[in-house]
C-alpha cells in the first residue's frame, strides 16, 4: 500500500512540476525603457517595454493590466504571436499589431530557433497599474 501511495504522489508531483515549469519564461528579457504620465489624460501613463528573445525564447501565455492598450512593433528578427482566438501570426522587423484591454496573449515567442528577436511594446495604462503582465495560472 505504501508503495502505491508513494508512486501516486510521485506522479502528482511530477505533473505539477511539469505544468509549472511550462509556465515560466524561457530565454527572454523584459526591460521597461520609459514610464511617463500623460499630462493631457489624467490618470493614464505611457510605458515602453523592450522584450528580447534569444533563439527559441518565449514568454508564457498571459494577460495584461485590464486598462492596457498596447501597440507592439518588431525591432529585430521575427516574433510569433497569438491573441485571443485569432490565428498564430509571425511578425517581421517593422511589422506591428495592437492588443486591446482584456485581450489574452496566448503565444509570445521568437519565431526562430537560431536568431534573436526584439520588440517594443508601448502600453497606455492606468497610472496605478503596477503589474503590466500576469502569466496564466
Protein backbone atom coordinates (compact mmCIF):
# COMPACT_ATOMS: atom_id res chain seq x y z
CA UNK A 1 0.00 0.00 0.00
CA UNK A 2 2.83 2.39 0.91
CA UNK A 3 4.48 1.71 -2.47
CA UNK A 4 1.24 2.53 -4.33
CA UNK A 5 0.78 5.79 -2.39
CA UNK A 6 4.41 6.75 -2.97
CA UNK A 7 4.10 6.12 -6.71
CA UNK A 8 0.83 8.11 -6.87
CA UNK A 9 2.45 11.01 -5.01
CA UNK A 10 5.42 10.96 -7.41
CA UNK A 11 3.10 11.06 -10.44
CA UNK A 12 1.14 14.00 -8.99
CA UNK A 13 4.32 15.91 -8.07
CA UNK A 14 5.84 15.30 -11.49
CA UNK A 15 2.74 16.58 -13.30
CA UNK A 16 2.55 19.66 -11.05
CA UNK A 17 6.24 20.40 -11.59
CA UNK A 18 5.94 19.92 -15.36
CA UNK A 19 2.93 22.21 -15.71
CA UNK A 20 4.55 24.88 -13.50
CA UNK A 21 7.77 24.73 -15.50
CA UNK A 22 5.81 25.12 -18.74
CA UNK A 23 4.51 28.47 -17.50
CA UNK A 24 7.95 30.06 -16.98
CA UNK A 25 9.62 32.33 -19.49
CA UNK A 26 12.49 30.86 -21.47
CA UNK A 27 15.42 32.78 -22.93
CA UNK A 28 13.68 36.16 -22.71
CA UNK A 29 14.42 39.52 -21.14
CA UNK A 30 11.89 42.30 -20.45
CA UNK A 31 13.05 45.87 -19.79
CA UNK A 32 10.90 48.92 -19.05
CA UNK A 33 12.56 51.68 -21.09
CA UNK A 34 10.20 54.54 -20.24
CA UNK A 35 7.29 55.34 -17.93
CA UNK A 36 5.63 58.72 -18.35
CA UNK A 37 2.29 60.02 -17.03
CA UNK A 38 0.22 61.56 -19.83
CA UNK A 39 -0.31 65.21 -18.86
CA UNK A 40 -3.36 65.62 -21.10
CA UNK A 41 -5.02 62.37 -19.94
CA UNK A 42 -5.20 62.42 -16.14
CA UNK A 43 -4.73 59.03 -14.51
CA UNK A 44 -3.09 57.44 -17.58
CA UNK A 45 0.56 56.68 -18.31
CA UNK A 46 2.55 55.53 -21.30
CA UNK A 47 5.09 52.77 -20.66
CA UNK A 48 7.57 51.38 -23.14
CA UNK A 49 8.80 47.83 -22.74
CA UNK A 50 11.52 46.12 -24.79
CA UNK A 51 11.12 42.35 -24.99
CA UNK A 52 14.21 40.48 -26.14
CA UNK A 53 14.10 36.81 -27.10
CA UNK A 54 17.13 34.64 -27.59
CA UNK A 55 16.85 31.81 -30.11
CA UNK A 56 13.83 29.69 -29.20
CA UNK A 57 12.83 32.15 -26.46
CA UNK A 58 9.26 32.69 -25.30
CA UNK A 59 7.06 34.07 -22.55
CA UNK A 60 4.16 32.09 -21.11
CA UNK A 61 0.59 32.89 -22.10
CA UNK A 62 -0.65 35.92 -20.20
CA UNK A 63 -2.99 38.85 -19.89
CA UNK A 64 -2.01 42.47 -19.40
CA UNK A 65 -3.37 45.05 -16.99
CA UNK A 66 -7.12 45.46 -17.60
CA UNK A 67 -6.60 49.09 -18.60
CA UNK A 68 -3.79 48.32 -21.06
CA UNK A 69 -3.99 49.30 -24.72
CA UNK A 70 -0.79 48.03 -26.36
CA UNK A 71 0.96 48.87 -29.61
CA UNK A 72 3.81 46.48 -30.43
CA UNK A 73 6.40 46.70 -33.19
CA UNK A 74 9.14 44.22 -34.06
CA UNK A 75 12.59 45.79 -33.92
CA UNK A 76 14.66 42.76 -34.87
CA UNK A 77 14.07 39.20 -36.06
CA UNK A 78 10.63 37.58 -36.19
CA UNK A 79 8.02 37.31 -33.44
CA UNK A 80 5.32 34.65 -33.23
CA UNK A 81 2.11 35.93 -31.60
CA UNK A 82 -1.42 34.71 -30.95
CA UNK A 83 -4.04 36.88 -29.26
CA UNK A 84 -7.41 35.56 -28.10
CA UNK A 85 -8.87 33.04 -30.57
CA UNK A 86 -7.08 34.55 -33.57
CA UNK A 87 -4.52 32.76 -35.71
CA UNK A 88 -0.88 32.40 -34.73
CA UNK A 89 0.94 35.06 -36.75
CA UNK A 90 4.61 35.76 -37.45
CA UNK A 91 5.64 39.42 -37.49
CA UNK A 92 8.92 40.54 -39.07
CA UNK A 93 11.08 43.58 -38.29
CA UNK A 94 8.96 46.69 -38.91
CA UNK A 95 5.62 44.87 -38.55
CA UNK A 96 3.24 45.87 -35.77
CA UNK A 97 -0.02 44.95 -34.05
CA UNK A 98 -2.27 46.12 -31.22
CA UNK A 99 -3.74 44.43 -28.17
CA UNK A 100 -6.90 45.81 -26.63
CA UNK A 101 -7.79 45.91 -22.93
CA UNK A 102 -8.72 42.41 -21.75
CA UNK A 103 -7.01 40.58 -24.62
CA UNK A 104 -5.44 37.20 -23.81
CA UNK A 105 -1.94 36.78 -25.28
CA UNK A 106 -1.66 33.03 -25.87
CA UNK A 107 1.64 32.94 -27.81
CA UNK A 108 4.53 35.38 -27.45
CA UNK A 109 7.76 33.91 -28.80
CA UNK A 110 10.75 34.18 -31.06
CA UNK A 111 9.80 32.55 -34.36
CA UNK A 112 13.42 31.41 -34.83
CA UNK A 113 15.45 28.76 -33.01
CA UNK A 114 18.71 30.23 -34.36
CA UNK A 115 18.41 34.05 -34.35
CA UNK A 116 17.44 36.58 -31.65
CA UNK A 117 14.31 38.74 -31.84
CA UNK A 118 13.28 42.00 -30.18
CA UNK A 119 10.07 44.02 -29.93
CA UNK A 120 8.96 47.29 -28.40
CA UNK A 121 5.57 47.25 -26.67
CA UNK A 122 4.05 50.64 -25.83
CA UNK A 123 1.36 50.48 -23.14
CA UNK A 124 -1.24 53.12 -22.37
CA UNK A 125 -2.43 52.14 -18.88
CA UNK A 126 -3.93 53.46 -15.70
CA UNK A 127 -1.07 55.12 -13.83
CA UNK A 128 -1.89 53.00 -10.78
CA UNK A 129 -1.42 49.70 -12.67
CA UNK A 130 1.94 48.43 -11.46
CA UNK A 131 1.74 44.92 -12.91
CA UNK A 132 1.71 45.07 -16.71
CA UNK A 133 1.62 41.30 -17.28
CA UNK A 134 0.04 38.40 -15.39
CA UNK A 135 1.01 34.88 -16.50
CA UNK A 136 -1.80 32.36 -16.78
CA UNK A 137 -2.18 30.09 -13.75
